[in-house]
Amino acid sequence: MEQLMYRPAEAAQILGMGRTVIFALIKSGRLRSVKLGGARLITAEALRAFVRDLEQA
């Protein structure tokens, strides 16, 4: 089964970016995330949507 949610550090590794960039993208609204308890998580679909948006730009 595919992993459904990623921590920012995992998302950064998947996208080949730094954690700081991931947090900046979240803050700007370009990368959707959810907060679960005290953890910020990014869904697999949000990662796919972000890449799709990059391809269309």
C-alpha atoms as a PDB file:
ATOM      1  CA  MET A   1       0.000   0.000   0.000  1.00  0.00           C
ATOM      2  CA  GLU A   2       1.232   3.481  -0.891  1.00  0.00           C
ATOM      3  CA  GLN A   3       2.143   5.781   1.979  1.00  0.00           C
ATOM      4  CA  LEU A   4      -0.657   8.345   2.251  1.00  0.00           C
ATOM      5  CA  MET A   5       0.941  11.045   4.407  1.00  0.00           C
ATOM      6  CA  TYR A   6       4.463  12.421   4.642  1.00  0.00           C
ATOM      7  CA  ARG A   7       6.309  14.560   7.141  1.00  0.00           C
ATOM      8  CA  PRO A   8       7.882  17.712   5.650  1.00  0.00           C
ATOM      9  CA  ALA A   9      11.366  16.140   5.704  1.00  0.00           C
ATOM     10  CA  GLU A  10      10.075  13.129   3.734  1.00  0.00           C
ATOM     11  CA  ALA A  11       8.270  15.377   1.249  1.00  0.00           C
ATOM     12  CA  ALA A  12      11.458  17.412   0.831  1.00  0.00           C
ATOM     13  CA  GLN A  13      13.424  14.265   0.026  1.00  0.00           C
ATOM     14  CA  ILE A  14      10.789  13.067  -2.459  1.00  0.00           C
ATOM     15  CA  LEU A  15      10.728  16.432  -4.253  1.00  0.00           C
ATOM     16  CA  GLY A  16      14.487  16.997  -4.037  1.00  0.00           C
ATOM     17  CA  MET A  17      14.103  20.187  -2.006  1.00  0.00           C
ATOM     18  CA  GLY A  18      15.109  21.355   1.435  1.00  0.00           C
ATOM     19  CA  ARG A  19      12.764  21.359   4.424  1.00  0.00           C
ATOM     20  CA  THR A  20      12.878  25.155   4.522  1.00  0.00           C
ATOM     21  CA  VAL A  21      11.528  25.298   0.965  1.00  0.00           C
ATOM     22  CA  ILE A  22       8.743  22.861   1.873  1.00  0.00           C
ATOM     23  CA  PHE A  23       7.679  25.013   4.828  1.00  0.00           C
ATOM     24  CA  ALA A  24       7.772  28.134   2.626  1.00  0.00           C
ATOM     25  CA  LEU A  25       5.565  26.402   0.034  1.00  0.00           C
ATOM     26  CA  ILE A  26       3.120  25.380   2.765  1.00  0.00           C
ATOM     27  CA  LYS A  27       3.041  28.907   4.187  1.00  0.00           C
ATOM     28  CA  SER A  28       2.421  30.414   0.737  1.00  0.00           C
ATOM     29  CA  GLY A  29      -0.399  27.949   0.041  1.00  0.00           C
ATOM     30  CA  ARG A  30       1.317  26.350  -2.949  1.00  0.00           C
ATOM     31  CA  LEU A  31       1.646  23.014  -1.116  1.00  0.00           C
ATOM     32  CA  ARG A  32      -1.344  21.812   0.885  1.00  0.00           C
ATOM     33  CA  SER A  33      -0.803  20.245   4.289  1.00  0.00           C
ATOM     34  CA  VAL A  34      -2.787  19.146   7.311  1.00  0.00           C
ATOM     35  CA  LYS A  35      -2.031  19.344  10.994  1.00  0.00           C
ATOM     36  CA  LEU A  36      -2.603  16.149  12.954  1.00  0.00           C
ATOM     37  CA  GLY A  37      -1.954  16.591  16.642  1.00  0.00           C
ATOM     38  CA  GLY A  38       1.304  18.510  16.715  1.00  0.00           C
ATOM     39  CA  ALA A  39       2.573  17.152  13.397  1.00  0.00           C
ATOM     40  CA  ARG A  40       2.380  18.900  10.024  1.00  0.00           C
ATOM     41  CA  LEU A  41       1.707  16.295   7.317  1.00  0.00           C
ATOM     42  CA  ILE A  42       1.478  16.428   3.536  1.00  0.00           C
ATOM     43  CA  THR A  43      -0.759  13.997   1.693  1.00  0.00           C
ATOM     44  CA  ALA A  44       0.454  12.004  -1.288  1.00  0.00           C
ATOM     45  CA  GLU A  45      -2.279  13.691  -3.349  1.00  0.00           C
ATOM     46  CA  ALA A  46      -1.021  17.144  -2.311  1.00  0.00           C
ATOM     47  CA  LEU A  47       2.467  16.181  -3.538  1.00  0.00           C
ATOM     48  CA  ARG A  48       1.050  14.960  -6.863  1.00  0.00           C
ATOM     49  CA  ALA A  49      -1.044  18.139  -7.236  1.00  0.00           C
ATOM     50  CA  PHE A  50       2.009  20.308  -6.538  1.00  0.00           C
ATOM     51  CA  VAL A  51       4.010  18.525  -9.263  1.00  0.00           C
ATOM     52  CA  ARG A  52       1.074  18.790 -11.709  1.00  0.00           C
ATOM     53  CA  ASP A  53       0.884  22.532 -11.036  1.00  0.00           C
ATOM     54  CA  LEU A  54       4.617  22.866 -11.731  1.00  0.00           C
ATOM     55  CA  GLU A  55       4.238  21.039 -15.044  1.00  0.00           C
ATOM     56  CA  GLN A  56       1.408  23.354 -16.116  1.00  0.00           C
ATOM     57  CA  ALA A  57       3.254  26.557 -15.229  1.00  0.00           C
END
